[in-house]
mmCIF file of all heavy atoms, coordinates in Angstrom:
data_MODEL
# 
_entry.id   MODEL 
# 
loop_
_atom_site.group_PDB 
_atom_site.id 
_atom_site.type_symbol 
_atom_site.label_atom_id 
_atom_site.label_alt_id 
_atom_site.label_comp_id 
_atom_site.label_asym_id 
_atom_site.label_entity_id 
_atom_site.label_seq_id 
_atom_site.pdbx_PDB_ins_code 
_atom_site.Cartn_x 
_atom_site.Cartn_y 
_atom_site.Cartn_z 
_atom_site.occupancy 
_atom_site.B_iso_or_equiv 
_atom_site.pdbx_formal_charge 
_atom_site.auth_seq_id 
_atom_site.auth_comp_id 
_atom_site.auth_asym_id 
_atom_site.auth_atom_id 
_atom_site.pdbx_PDB_model_num 
ATOM 1   N N   . ASP A 1 1  ? 15.130  24.728 6.441  1.00 0.00 ? 1  ASP A N   1 
ATOM 2   C CA  . ASP A 1 1  ? 14.791  26.162 6.449  1.00 0.00 ? 1  ASP A CA  1 
ATOM 3   C C   . ASP A 1 1  ? 14.083  26.535 7.801  1.00 0.00 ? 1  ASP A C   1 
ATOM 4   O O   . ASP A 1 1  ? 14.051  27.741 8.103  1.00 0.00 ? 1  ASP A O   1 
ATOM 5   C CB  . ASP A 1 1  ? 13.797  26.430 5.266  1.00 0.00 ? 1  ASP A CB  1 
ATOM 6   C CG  . ASP A 1 1  ? 14.426  26.264 3.908  1.00 0.00 ? 1  ASP A CG  1 
ATOM 7   O OD1 . ASP A 1 1  ? 15.698  26.334 3.845  1.00 0.00 ? 1  ASP A OD1 1 
ATOM 8   O OD2 . ASP A 1 1  ? 13.693  26.127 2.962  1.00 0.00 ? 1  ASP A OD2 1 
ATOM 9   N N   . TYR A 1 2  ? 13.569  25.577 8.481  1.00 0.00 ? 2  TYR A N   1 
ATOM 10  C CA  . TYR A 1 2  ? 12.699  25.840 9.646  1.00 0.00 ? 2  TYR A CA  1 
ATOM 11  C C   . TYR A 1 2  ? 13.437  25.614 10.956 1.00 0.00 ? 2  TYR A C   1 
ATOM 12  O O   . TYR A 1 2  ? 12.823  25.526 11.999 1.00 0.00 ? 2  TYR A O   1 
ATOM 13  C CB  . TYR A 1 2  ? 11.424  25.035 9.562  1.00 0.00 ? 2  TYR A CB  1 
ATOM 14  C CG  . TYR A 1 2  ? 10.672  25.363 8.334  1.00 0.00 ? 2  TYR A CG  1 
ATOM 15  C CD1 . TYR A 1 2  ? 10.754  24.557 7.159  1.00 0.00 ? 2  TYR A CD1 1 
ATOM 16  C CD2 . TYR A 1 2  ? 9.815   26.475 8.297  1.00 0.00 ? 2  TYR A CD2 1 
ATOM 17  C CE1 . TYR A 1 2  ? 10.032  24.883 6.000  1.00 0.00 ? 2  TYR A CE1 1 
ATOM 18  C CE2 . TYR A 1 2  ? 9.099   26.758 7.139  1.00 0.00 ? 2  TYR A CE2 1 
ATOM 19  C CZ  . TYR A 1 2  ? 9.189   25.958 6.006  1.00 0.00 ? 2  TYR A CZ  1 
ATOM 20  O OH  . TYR A 1 2  ? 8.511   26.304 4.870  1.00 0.00 ? 2  TYR A OH  1 
ATOM 21  N N   . LYS A 1 3  ? 14.779  25.494 10.921 1.00 0.00 ? 3  LYS A N   1 
ATOM 22  C CA  . LYS A 1 3  ? 15.520  25.361 12.187 1.00 0.00 ? 3  LYS A CA  1 
ATOM 23  C C   . LYS A 1 3  ? 15.257  26.542 13.062 1.00 0.00 ? 3  LYS A C   1 
ATOM 24  O O   . LYS A 1 3  ? 15.168  27.674 12.577 1.00 0.00 ? 3  LYS A O   1 
ATOM 25  C CB  . LYS A 1 3  ? 17.015  25.209 11.934 1.00 0.00 ? 3  LYS A CB  1 
ATOM 26  C CG  . LYS A 1 3  ? 17.428  23.819 11.530 1.00 0.00 ? 3  LYS A CG  1 
ATOM 27  C CD  . LYS A 1 3  ? 18.909  23.637 11.497 1.00 0.00 ? 3  LYS A CD  1 
ATOM 28  C CE  . LYS A 1 3  ? 19.298  22.213 11.176 1.00 0.00 ? 3  LYS A CE  1 
ATOM 29  N NZ  . LYS A 1 3  ? 20.750  21.998 11.157 1.00 0.00 ? 3  LYS A NZ  1 
ATOM 30  N N   . GLY A 1 4  ? 15.116  26.327 14.348 1.00 0.00 ? 4  GLY A N   1 
ATOM 31  C CA  . GLY A 1 4  ? 14.761  27.411 15.281 1.00 0.00 ? 4  GLY A CA  1 
ATOM 32  C C   . GLY A 1 4  ? 13.321  27.276 15.737 1.00 0.00 ? 4  GLY A C   1 
ATOM 33  O O   . GLY A 1 4  ? 12.836  27.968 16.662 1.00 0.00 ? 4  GLY A O   1 
ATOM 34  N N   . LYS A 1 5  ? 12.508  26.452 15.019 1.00 0.00 ? 5  LYS A N   1 
ATOM 35  C CA  . LYS A 1 5  ? 11.175  26.151 15.348 1.00 0.00 ? 5  LYS A CA  1 
ATOM 36  C C   . LYS A 1 5  ? 10.906  24.671 15.522 1.00 0.00 ? 5  LYS A C   1 
ATOM 37  O O   . LYS A 1 5  ? 11.645  23.852 14.902 1.00 0.00 ? 5  LYS A O   1 
ATOM 38  C CB  . LYS A 1 5  ? 10.188  26.725 14.345 1.00 0.00 ? 5  LYS A CB  1 
ATOM 39  C CG  . LYS A 1 5  ? 10.025  28.242 14.344 1.00 0.00 ? 5  LYS A CG  1 
ATOM 40  C CD  . LYS A 1 5  ? 8.896   28.653 13.426 1.00 0.00 ? 5  LYS A CD  1 
ATOM 41  C CE  . LYS A 1 5  ? 8.675   30.180 13.539 1.00 0.00 ? 5  LYS A CE  1 
ATOM 42  N NZ  . LYS A 1 5  ? 7.453   30.567 12.739 1.00 0.00 ? 5  LYS A NZ  1 
ATOM 43  N N   . ILE A 1 6  ? 9.956   24.268 16.359 1.00 0.00 ? 6  ILE A N   1 
ATOM 44  C CA  . ILE A 1 6  ? 9.501   22.914 16.355 1.00 0.00 ? 6  ILE A CA  1 
ATOM 45  C C   . ILE A 1 6  ? 8.774   22.635 15.053 1.00 0.00 ? 6  ILE A C   1 
ATOM 46  O O   . ILE A 1 6  ? 7.994   23.479 14.593 1.00 0.00 ? 6  ILE A O   1 
ATOM 47  C CB  . ILE A 1 6  ? 8.553   22.638 17.491 1.00 0.00 ? 6  ILE A CB  1 
ATOM 48  C CG1 . ILE A 1 6  ? 9.290   22.871 18.847 1.00 0.00 ? 6  ILE A CG1 1 
ATOM 49  C CG2 . ILE A 1 6  ? 8.027   21.204 17.494 1.00 0.00 ? 6  ILE A CG2 1 
ATOM 50  C CD1 . ILE A 1 6  ? 8.380   22.933 20.033 1.00 0.00 ? 6  ILE A CD1 1 
ATOM 51  N N   . VAL A 1 7  ? 9.038   21.513 14.400 1.00 0.00 ? 7  VAL A N   1 
ATOM 52  C CA  . VAL A 1 7  ? 8.403   21.173 13.130 1.00 0.00 ? 7  VAL A CA  1 
ATOM 53  C C   . VAL A 1 7  ? 7.581   19.939 13.247 1.00 0.00 ? 7  VAL A C   1 
ATOM 54  O O   . VAL A 1 7  ? 8.000   18.928 13.796 1.00 0.00 ? 7  VAL A O   1 
ATOM 55  C CB  . VAL A 1 7  ? 9.441   20.987 11.989 1.00 0.00 ? 7  VAL A CB  1 
ATOM 56  C CG1 . VAL A 1 7  ? 8.709   20.671 10.645 1.00 0.00 ? 7  VAL A CG1 1 
ATOM 57  C CG2 . VAL A 1 7  ? 10.316  22.202 11.820 1.00 0.00 ? 7  VAL A CG2 1 
ATOM 58  N N   . LEU A 1 8  ? 6.313   20.022 12.801 1.00 0.00 ? 8  LEU A N   1 
ATOM 59  C CA  . LEU A 1 8  ? 5.440   18.873 12.728 1.00 0.00 ? 8  LEU A CA  1 
ATOM 60  C C   . LEU A 1 8  ? 5.301   18.532 11.214 1.00 0.00 ? 8  LEU A C   1 
ATOM 61  O O   . LEU A 1 8  ? 4.635   19.270 10.507 1.00 0.00 ? 8  LEU A O   1 
ATOM 62  C CB  . LEU A 1 8  ? 4.087   19.145 13.374 1.00 0.00 ? 8  LEU A CB  1 
ATOM 63  C CG  . LEU A 1 8  ? 3.140   17.987 13.638 1.00 0.00 ? 8  LEU A CG  1 
ATOM 64  C CD1 . LEU A 1 8  ? 1.924   18.501 14.429 1.00 0.00 ? 8  LEU A CD1 1 
ATOM 65  C CD2 . LEU A 1 8  ? 2.623   17.283 12.401 1.00 0.00 ? 8  LEU A CD2 1 
ATOM 66  N N   . ILE A 1 9  ? 5.941   17.466 10.808 1.00 0.00 ? 9  ILE A N   1 
ATOM 67  C CA  . ILE A 1 9  ? 5.795   17.028 9.419  1.00 0.00 ? 9  ILE A CA  1 
ATOM 68  C C   . ILE A 1 9  ? 4.622   16.051 9.345  1.00 0.00 ? 9  ILE A C   1 
ATOM 69  O O   . ILE A 1 9  ? 4.687   14.955 9.986  1.00 0.00 ? 9  ILE A O   1 
ATOM 70  C CB  . ILE A 1 9  ? 7.074   16.314 8.885  1.00 0.00 ? 9  ILE A CB  1 
ATOM 71  C CG1 . ILE A 1 9  ? 8.295   17.131 9.114  1.00 0.00 ? 9  ILE A CG1 1 
ATOM 72  C CG2 . ILE A 1 9  ? 6.937   15.983 7.377  1.00 0.00 ? 9  ILE A CG2 1 
ATOM 73  C CD1 . ILE A 1 9  ? 9.586   16.443 8.774  1.00 0.00 ? 9  ILE A CD1 1 
ATOM 74  N N   . ASN A 1 10 ? 3.635   16.437 8.580  1.00 0.00 ? 10 ASN A N   1 
ATOM 75  C CA  . ASN A 1 10 ? 2.462   15.549 8.470  1.00 0.00 ? 10 ASN A CA  1 
ATOM 76  C C   . ASN A 1 10 ? 2.315   15.010 7.039  1.00 0.00 ? 10 ASN A C   1 
ATOM 77  O O   . ASN A 1 10 ? 2.162   15.743 6.083  1.00 0.00 ? 10 ASN A O   1 
ATOM 78  C CB  . ASN A 1 10 ? 1.195   16.329 8.802  1.00 0.00 ? 10 ASN A CB  1 
ATOM 79  C CG  . ASN A 1 10 ? -0.104  15.491 8.761  1.00 0.00 ? 10 ASN A CG  1 
ATOM 80  O OD1 . ASN A 1 10 ? -0.824  15.505 7.772  1.00 0.00 ? 10 ASN A OD1 1 
ATOM 81  N ND2 . ASN A 1 10 ? -0.379  14.820 9.802  1.00 0.00 ? 10 ASN A ND2 1 
ATOM 82  N N   . PHE A 1 11 ? 2.549   13.677 6.918  1.00 0.00 ? 11 PHE A N   1 
ATOM 83  C CA  . PHE A 1 11 ? 2.407   13.025 5.583  1.00 0.00 ? 11 PHE A CA  1 
ATOM 84  C C   . PHE A 1 11 ? 0.925   12.632 5.375  1.00 0.00 ? 11 PHE A C   1 
ATOM 85  O O   . PHE A 1 11 ? 0.330   11.911 6.203  1.00 0.00 ? 11 PHE A O   1 
ATOM 86  C CB  . PHE A 1 11 ? 3.286   11.814 5.472  1.00 0.00 ? 11 PHE A CB  1 
ATOM 87  C CG  . PHE A 1 11 ? 4.785   12.128 5.536  1.00 0.00 ? 11 PHE A CG  1 
ATOM 88  C CD1 . PHE A 1 11 ? 5.451   12.132 6.704  1.00 0.00 ? 11 PHE A CD1 1 
ATOM 89  C CD2 . PHE A 1 11 ? 5.420   12.511 4.364  1.00 0.00 ? 11 PHE A CD2 1 
ATOM 90  C CE1 . PHE A 1 11 ? 6.807   12.438 6.703  1.00 0.00 ? 11 PHE A CE1 1 
ATOM 91  C CE2 . PHE A 1 11 ? 6.783   12.870 4.324  1.00 0.00 ? 11 PHE A CE2 1 
ATOM 92  C CZ  . PHE A 1 11 ? 7.485   12.766 5.509  1.00 0.00 ? 11 PHE A CZ  1 
ATOM 93  N N   . TRP A 1 12 ? 0.306   13.074 4.299  1.00 0.00 ? 12 TRP A N   1 
ATOM 94  C CA  . TRP A 1 12 ? -1.093  12.972 4.043  1.00 0.00 ? 12 TRP A CA  1 
ATOM 95  C C   . TRP A 1 12 ? -1.427  12.802 2.570  1.00 0.00 ? 12 TRP A C   1 
ATOM 96  O O   . TRP A 1 12 ? -0.598  12.913 1.691  1.00 0.00 ? 12 TRP A O   1 
ATOM 97  C CB  . TRP A 1 12 ? -1.842  14.112 4.652  1.00 0.00 ? 12 TRP A CB  1 
ATOM 98  C CG  . TRP A 1 12 ? -1.580  15.387 3.886  1.00 0.00 ? 12 TRP A CG  1 
ATOM 99  C CD1 . TRP A 1 12 ? -0.435  16.146 3.880  1.00 0.00 ? 12 TRP A CD1 1 
ATOM 100 C CD2 . TRP A 1 12 ? -2.456  16.047 2.983  1.00 0.00 ? 12 TRP A CD2 1 
ATOM 101 N NE1 . TRP A 1 12 ? -0.580  17.169 2.995  1.00 0.00 ? 12 TRP A NE1 1 
ATOM 102 C CE2 . TRP A 1 12 ? -1.782  17.147 2.471  1.00 0.00 ? 12 TRP A CE2 1 
ATOM 103 C CE3 . TRP A 1 12 ? -3.727  15.758 2.536  1.00 0.00 ? 12 TRP A CE3 1 
ATOM 104 C CZ2 . TRP A 1 12 ? -2.369  18.015 1.495  1.00 0.00 ? 12 TRP A CZ2 1 
ATOM 105 C CZ3 . TRP A 1 12 ? -4.328  16.616 1.574  1.00 0.00 ? 12 TRP A CZ3 1 
ATOM 106 C CH2 . TRP A 1 12 ? -3.686  17.697 1.033  1.00 0.00 ? 12 TRP A CH2 1 
ATOM 107 N N   . ALA A 1 13 ? -2.718  12.541 2.276  1.00 0.00 ? 13 ALA A N   1 
ATOM 108 C CA  . ALA A 1 13 ? -3.213  12.546 0.889  1.00 0.00 ? 13 ALA A CA  1 
ATOM 109 C C   . ALA A 1 13 ? -4.697  12.932 0.871  1.00 0.00 ? 13 ALA A C   1 
ATOM 110 O O   . ALA A 1 13 ? -5.378  12.780 1.921  1.00 0.00 ? 13 ALA A O   1 
ATOM 111 C CB  . ALA A 1 13 ? -3.025  11.124 0.315  1.00 0.00 ? 13 ALA A CB  1 
ATOM 112 N N   . THR A 1 14 ? -5.154  13.411 -0.206 1.00 0.00 ? 14 THR A N   1 
ATOM 113 C CA  . THR A 1 14 ? -6.575  13.961 -0.218 1.00 0.00 ? 14 THR A CA  1 
ATOM 114 C C   . THR A 1 14 ? -7.533  12.791 -0.130 1.00 0.00 ? 14 THR A C   1 
ATOM 115 O O   . THR A 1 14 ? -8.697  12.972 0.309  1.00 0.00 ? 14 THR A O   1 
ATOM 116 C CB  . THR A 1 14 ? -6.823  14.702 -1.593 1.00 0.00 ? 14 THR A CB  1 
ATOM 117 O OG1 . THR A 1 14 ? -6.597  13.801 -2.683 1.00 0.00 ? 14 THR A OG1 1 
ATOM 118 C CG2 . THR A 1 14 ? -5.811  15.871 -1.721 1.00 0.00 ? 14 THR A CG2 1 
ATOM 119 N N   . TRP A 1 15 ? -7.153  11.623 -0.523 1.00 0.00 ? 15 TRP A N   1 
ATOM 120 C CA  . TRP A 1 15 ? -8.118  10.469 -0.504 1.00 0.00 ? 15 TRP A CA  1 
ATOM 121 C C   . TRP A 1 15 ? -8.208  9.857  0.942  1.00 0.00 ? 15 TRP A C   1 
ATOM 122 O O   . TRP A 1 15 ? -9.103  9.003  1.140  1.00 0.00 ? 15 TRP A O   1 
ATOM 123 C CB  . TRP A 1 15 ? -7.629  9.406  -1.489 1.00 0.00 ? 15 TRP A CB  1 
ATOM 124 C CG  . TRP A 1 15 ? -6.184  8.994  -1.343 1.00 0.00 ? 15 TRP A CG  1 
ATOM 125 C CD1 . TRP A 1 15 ? -5.136  9.421  -2.133 1.00 0.00 ? 15 TRP A CD1 1 
ATOM 126 C CD2 . TRP A 1 15 ? -5.650  8.105  -0.372 1.00 0.00 ? 15 TRP A CD2 1 
ATOM 127 N NE1 . TRP A 1 15 ? -3.948  8.871  -1.681 1.00 0.00 ? 15 TRP A NE1 1 
ATOM 128 C CE2 . TRP A 1 15 ? -4.269  8.053  -0.597 1.00 0.00 ? 15 TRP A CE2 1 
ATOM 129 C CE3 . TRP A 1 15 ? -6.143  7.317  0.630  1.00 0.00 ? 15 TRP A CE3 1 
ATOM 130 C CZ2 . TRP A 1 15 ? -3.393  7.276  0.132  1.00 0.00 ? 15 TRP A CZ2 1 
ATOM 131 C CZ3 . TRP A 1 15 ? -5.289  6.602  1.434  1.00 0.00 ? 15 TRP A CZ3 1 
ATOM 132 C CH2 . TRP A 1 15 ? -3.949  6.563  1.203  1.00 0.00 ? 15 TRP A CH2 1 
ATOM 133 N N   . CYS A 1 16 ? -7.413  10.260 1.826  1.00 0.00 ? 16 CYS A N   1 
ATOM 134 C CA  . CYS A 1 16 ? -7.259  9.638  3.124  1.00 0.00 ? 16 CYS A CA  1 
ATOM 135 C C   . CYS A 1 16 ? -8.384  10.224 4.085  1.00 0.00 ? 16 CYS A C   1 
ATOM 136 O O   . CYS A 1 16 ? -8.315  11.420 4.390  1.00 0.00 ? 16 CYS A O   1 
ATOM 137 C CB  . CYS A 1 16 ? -5.863  9.939  3.682  1.00 0.00 ? 16 CYS A CB  1 
ATOM 138 S SG  . CYS A 1 16 ? -5.667  9.548  5.425  1.00 0.00 ? 16 CYS A SG  1 
ATOM 139 N N   . LYS A 1 17 ? -9.314  9.357  4.479  1.00 0.00 ? 17 LYS A N   1 
ATOM 140 C CA  . LYS A 1 17 ? -10.361 9.804  5.337  1.00 0.00 ? 17 LYS A CA  1 
ATOM 141 C C   . LYS A 1 17 ? -9.875  10.396 6.672  1.00 0.00 ? 17 LYS A C   1 
ATOM 142 O O   . LYS A 1 17 ? -10.328 11.460 7.142  1.00 0.00 ? 17 LYS A O   1 
ATOM 143 C CB  . LYS A 1 17 ? -11.266 8.649  5.643  1.00 0.00 ? 17 LYS A CB  1 
ATOM 144 C CG  . LYS A 1 17 ? -12.328 8.914  6.677  1.00 0.00 ? 17 LYS A CG  1 
ATOM 145 C CD  . LYS A 1 17 ? -13.095 7.673  7.008  1.00 0.00 ? 17 LYS A CD  1 
ATOM 146 C CE  . LYS A 1 17 ? -14.133 7.865  8.179  1.00 0.00 ? 17 LYS A CE  1 
ATOM 147 N NZ  . LYS A 1 17 ? -14.889 6.674  8.497  1.00 0.00 ? 17 LYS A NZ  1 
ATOM 148 N N   . TYR A 1 18 ? -8.918  9.772  7.294  1.00 0.00 ? 18 TYR A N   1 
ATOM 149 C CA  . TYR A 1 18 ? -8.399  10.195 8.599  1.00 0.00 ? 18 TYR A CA  1 
ATOM 150 C C   . TYR A 1 18 ? -7.604  11.451 8.484  1.00 0.00 ? 18 TYR A C   1 
ATOM 151 O O   . TYR A 1 18 ? -7.502  12.288 9.384  1.00 0.00 ? 18 TYR A O   1 
ATOM 152 C CB  . TYR A 1 18 ? -7.602  9.087  9.297  1.00 0.00 ? 18 TYR A CB  1 
ATOM 153 C CG  . TYR A 1 18 ? -8.480  7.909  9.638  1.00 0.00 ? 18 TYR A CG  1 
ATOM 154 C CD1 . TYR A 1 18 ? -8.405  6.700  8.953  1.00 0.00 ? 18 TYR A CD1 1 
ATOM 155 C CD2 . TYR A 1 18 ? -9.473  8.014  10.640 1.00 0.00 ? 18 TYR A CD2 1 
ATOM 156 C CE1 . TYR A 1 18 ? -9.197  5.636  9.298  1.00 0.00 ? 18 TYR A CE1 1 
ATOM 157 C CE2 . TYR A 1 18 ? -10.317 6.936  10.930 1.00 0.00 ? 18 TYR A CE2 1 
ATOM 158 C CZ  . TYR A 1 18 ? -10.169 5.788  10.225 1.00 0.00 ? 18 TYR A CZ  1 
ATOM 159 O OH  . TYR A 1 18 ? -11.070 4.716  10.516 1.00 0.00 ? 18 TYR A OH  1 
ATOM 160 N N   . CYS A 1 19 ? -6.874  11.603 7.335  1.00 0.00 ? 19 CYS A N   1 
ATOM 161 C CA  . CYS A 1 19 ? -6.189  12.866 7.109  1.00 0.00 ? 19 CYS A CA  1 
ATOM 162 C C   . CYS A 1 19 ? -7.153  14.011 7.000  1.00 0.00 ? 19 CYS A C   1 
ATOM 163 O O   . CYS A 1 19 ? -6.903  15.116 7.564  1.00 0.00 ? 19 CYS A O   1 
ATOM 164 C CB  . CYS A 1 19 ? -5.430  12.791 5.740  1.00 0.00 ? 19 CYS A CB  1 
ATOM 165 S SG  . CYS A 1 19 ? -4.192  11.457 5.611  1.00 0.00 ? 19 CYS A SG  1 
ATOM 166 N N   . ASP A 1 20 ? -8.272  13.811 6.330  1.00 0.00 ? 20 ASP A N   1 
ATOM 167 C CA  . ASP A 1 20 ? -9.331  14.795 6.197  1.00 0.00 ? 20 ASP A CA  1 
ATOM 168 C C   . ASP A 1 20 ? -9.852  15.196 7.557  1.00 0.00 ? 20 ASP A C   1 
ATOM 169 O O   . ASP A 1 20 ? -10.129 16.439 7.772  1.00 0.00 ? 20 ASP A O   1 
ATOM 170 C CB  . ASP A 1 20 ? -10.389 14.272 5.292  1.00 0.00 ? 20 ASP A CB  1 
ATOM 171 C CG  . ASP A 1 20 ? -11.429 15.293 4.931  1.00 0.00 ? 20 ASP A CG  1 
ATOM 172 O OD1 . ASP A 1 20 ? -11.024 16.427 4.509  1.00 0.00 ? 20 ASP A OD1 1 
ATOM 173 O OD2 . ASP A 1 20 ? -12.612 15.050 5.114  1.00 0.00 ? 20 ASP A OD2 1 
ATOM 174 N N   . GLU A 1 21 ? -10.046 14.235 8.460  1.00 0.00 ? 21 GLU A N   1 
ATOM 175 C CA  . GLU A 1 21 ? -10.553 14.498 9.770  1.00 0.00 ? 21 GLU A CA  1 
ATOM 176 C C   . GLU A 1 21 ? -9.521  15.263 10.599 1.00 0.00 ? 21 GLU A C   1 
ATOM 177 O O   . GLU A 1 21 ? -9.888  16.088 11.466 1.00 0.00 ? 21 GLU A O   1 
ATOM 178 C CB  . GLU A 1 21 ? -10.904 13.227 10.490 1.00 0.00 ? 21 GLU A CB  1 
ATOM 179 C CG  . GLU A 1 21 ? -12.197 12.527 9.881  1.00 0.00 ? 21 GLU A CG  1 
ATOM 180 C CD  . GLU A 1 21 ? -12.547 11.278 10.615 1.00 0.00 ? 21 GLU A CD  1 
ATOM 181 O OE1 . GLU A 1 21 ? -12.093 11.096 11.763 1.00 0.00 ? 21 GLU A OE1 1 
ATOM 182 O OE2 . GLU A 1 21 ? -13.250 10.468 10.020 1.00 0.00 ? 21 GLU A OE2 1 
ATOM 183 N N   . GLU A 1 22 ? -8.264  15.036 10.402 1.00 0.00 ? 22 GLU A N   1 
ATOM 184 C CA  . GLU A 1 22 ? -7.207  15.625 11.173 1.00 0.00 ? 22 GLU A CA  1 
ATOM 185 C C   . GLU A 1 22 ? -6.848  17.050 10.748 1.00 0.00 ? 22 GLU A C   1 
ATOM 186 O O   . GLU A 1 22 ? -6.392  17.837 11.545 1.00 0.00 ? 22 GLU A O   1 
ATOM 187 C CB  . GLU A 1 22 ? -5.944  14.739 11.085 1.00 0.00 ? 22 GLU A CB  1 
ATOM 188 C CG  . GLU A 1 22 ? -4.780  15.158 11.974 1.00 0.00 ? 22 GLU A CG  1 
ATOM 189 C CD  . GLU A 1 22 ? -3.622  14.207 11.803 1.00 0.00 ? 22 GLU A CD  1 
ATOM 190 O OE1 . GLU A 1 22 ? -3.162  13.989 10.635 1.00 0.00 ? 22 GLU A OE1 1 
ATOM 191 O OE2 . GLU A 1 22 ? -3.135  13.645 12.808 1.00 0.00 ? 22 GLU A OE2 1 
ATOM 192 N N   . MET A 1 23 ? -7.131  17.336 9.480  1.00 0.00 ? 23 MET A N   1 
ATOM 193 C CA  . MET A 1 23 ? -6.694  18.650 8.939  1.00 0.00 ? 23 MET A CA  1 
ATOM 194 C C   . MET A 1 23 ? -7.139  19.867 9.723  1.00 0.00 ? 23 MET A C   1 
ATOM 195 O O   . MET A 1 23 ? -6.346  20.789 9.962  1.00 0.00 ? 23 MET A O   1 
ATOM 196 C CB  . MET A 1 23 ? -7.124  18.796 7.449  1.00 0.00 ? 23 MET A CB  1 
ATOM 197 C CG  . MET A 1 23 ? -6.250  18.038 6.506  1.00 0.00 ? 23 MET A CG  1 
ATOM 198 S SD  . MET A 1 23 ? -4.626  18.853 6.312  1.00 0.00 ? 23 MET A SD  1 
ATOM 199 C CE  . MET A 1 23 ? -3.806  17.830 5.097  1.00 0.00 ? 23 MET A CE  1 
ATOM 200 N N   . PRO A 1 24 ? -8.446  19.975 10.080 1.00 0.00 ? 24 PRO A N   1 
ATOM 201 C CA  . PRO A 1 24 ? -8.874  21.161 10.823 1.00 0.00 ? 24 PRO A CA  1 
ATOM 202 C C   . PRO A 1 24 ? -8.115  21.380 12.138 1.00 0.00 ? 24 PRO A C   1 
ATOM 203 O O   . PRO A 1 24 ? -7.819  22.489 12.530 1.00 0.00 ? 24 PRO A O   1 
ATOM 204 C CB  . PRO A 1 24 ? -10.337 20.915 11.057 1.00 0.00 ? 24 PRO A CB  1 
ATOM 205 C CG  . PRO A 1 24 ? -10.734 20.028 9.953  1.00 0.00 ? 24 PRO A CG  1 
ATOM 206 C CD  . PRO A 1 24 ? -9.553  19.134 9.740  1.00 0.00 ? 24 PRO A CD  1 
ATOM 207 N N   . ASP A 1 25 ? -7.746  20.241 12.793 1.00 0.00 ? 25 ASP A N   1 
ATOM 208 C CA  . ASP A 1 25 ? -7.009  20.360 14.086 1.00 0.00 ? 25 ASP A CA  1 
ATOM 209 C C   . ASP A 1 25 ? -5.590  20.778 13.800 1.00 0.00 ? 25 ASP A C   1 
ATOM 210 O O   . ASP A 1 25 ? -4.972  21.546 14.623 1.00 0.00 ? 25 ASP A O   1 
ATOM 211 C CB  . ASP A 1 25 ? -7.074  18.999 14.793 1.00 0.00 ? 25 ASP A CB  1 
ATOM 212 C CG  . ASP A 1 25 ? -8.426  18.701 15.401 1.00 0.00 ? 25 ASP A CG  1 
ATOM 213 O OD1 . ASP A 1 25 ? -9.226  19.595 15.580 1.00 0.00 ? 25 ASP A OD1 1 
ATOM 214 O OD2 . ASP A 1 25 ? -8.686  17.491 15.663 1.00 0.00 ? 25 ASP A OD2 1 
ATOM 215 N N   . LEU A 1 26 ? -4.946  20.316 12.749 1.00 0.00 ? 26 LEU A N   1 
ATOM 216 C CA  . LEU A 1 26 ? -3.633  20.765 12.369 1.00 0.00 ? 26 LEU A CA  1 
ATOM 217 C C   . LEU A 1 26 ? -3.615  22.271 12.125 1.00 0.00 ? 26 LEU A C   1 
ATOM 218 O O   . LEU A 1 26 ? -2.737  22.990 12.510 1.00 0.00 ? 26 LEU A O   1 
ATOM 219 C CB  . LEU A 1 26 ? -3.133  20.062 11.132 1.00 0.00 ? 26 LEU A CB  1 
ATOM 220 C CG  . LEU A 1 26 ? -2.696  18.608 11.327 1.00 0.00 ? 26 LEU A CG  1 
ATOM 221 C CD1 . LEU A 1 26 ? -2.381  17.938 9.973  1.00 0.00 ? 26 LEU A CD1 1 
ATOM 222 C CD2 . LEU A 1 26 ? -1.462  18.504 12.224 1.00 0.00 ? 26 LEU A CD2 1 
ATOM 223 N N   . GLU A 1 27 ? -4.694  22.762 11.408 1.00 0.00 ? 27 GLU A N   1 
ATOM 224 C CA  . GLU A 1 27 ? -4.805  24.192 11.141 1.00 0.00 ? 27 GLU A CA  1 
ATOM 225 C C   . GLU A 1 27 ? -4.929  25.027 12.398 1.00 0.00 ? 27 GLU A C   1 
ATOM 226 O O   . GLU A 1 27 ? -4.292  26.006 12.554 1.00 0.00 ? 27 GLU A O   1 
ATOM 227 C CB  . GLU A 1 27 ? -6.032  24.384 10.261 1.00 0.00 ? 27 GLU A CB  1 
ATOM 228 C CG  . GLU A 1 27 ? -6.326  25.879 9.895  1.00 0.00 ? 27 GLU A CG  1 
ATOM 229 C CD  . GLU A 1 27 ? -5.345  26.587 9.013  1.00 0.00 ? 27 GLU A CD  1 
ATOM 230 O OE1 . GLU A 1 27 ? -4.493  25.846 8.472  1.00 0.00 ? 27 GLU A OE1 1 
ATOM 231 O OE2 . GLU A 1 27 ? -5.412  27.822 8.865  1.00 0.00 ? 27 GLU A OE2 1 
ATOM 232 N N   . LYS A 1 28 ? -5.757  24.486 13.405 1.00 0.00 ? 28 LYS A N   1 
ATOM 233 C CA  . LYS A 1 28 ? -5.951  25.161 14.618 1.00 0.00 ? 28 LYS A CA  1 
ATOM 234 C C   . LYS A 1 28 ? -4.580  25.212 15.408 1.00 0.00 ? 28 LYS A C   1 
ATOM 235 O O   . LYS A 1 28 ? -4.220  26.250 15.968 1.00 0.00 ? 28 LYS A O   1 
ATOM 236 C CB  . LYS A 1 28 ? -7.032  24.449 15.447 1.00 0.00 ? 28 LYS A CB  1 
ATOM 237 C CG  . LYS A 1 28 ? -7.303  25.114 16.698 1.00 0.00 ? 28 LYS A CG  1 
ATOM 238 C CD  . LYS A 1 28 ? -8.489  24.439 17.446 1.00 0.00 ? 28 LYS A CD  1 
ATOM 239 C CE  . LYS A 1 28 ? -8.790  25.097 18.756 1.00 0.00 ? 28 LYS A CE  1 
ATOM 240 N NZ  . LYS A 1 28 ? -9.932  24.389 19.519 1.00 0.00 ? 28 LYS A NZ  1 
# 
């Protein structure tokens, strides 16, 4: 569905400490 754009697929989980730290930067 997202052809035409660069896609960053981020595999994560709520229990993952490093995912939690990375989330604000992904949002930015």
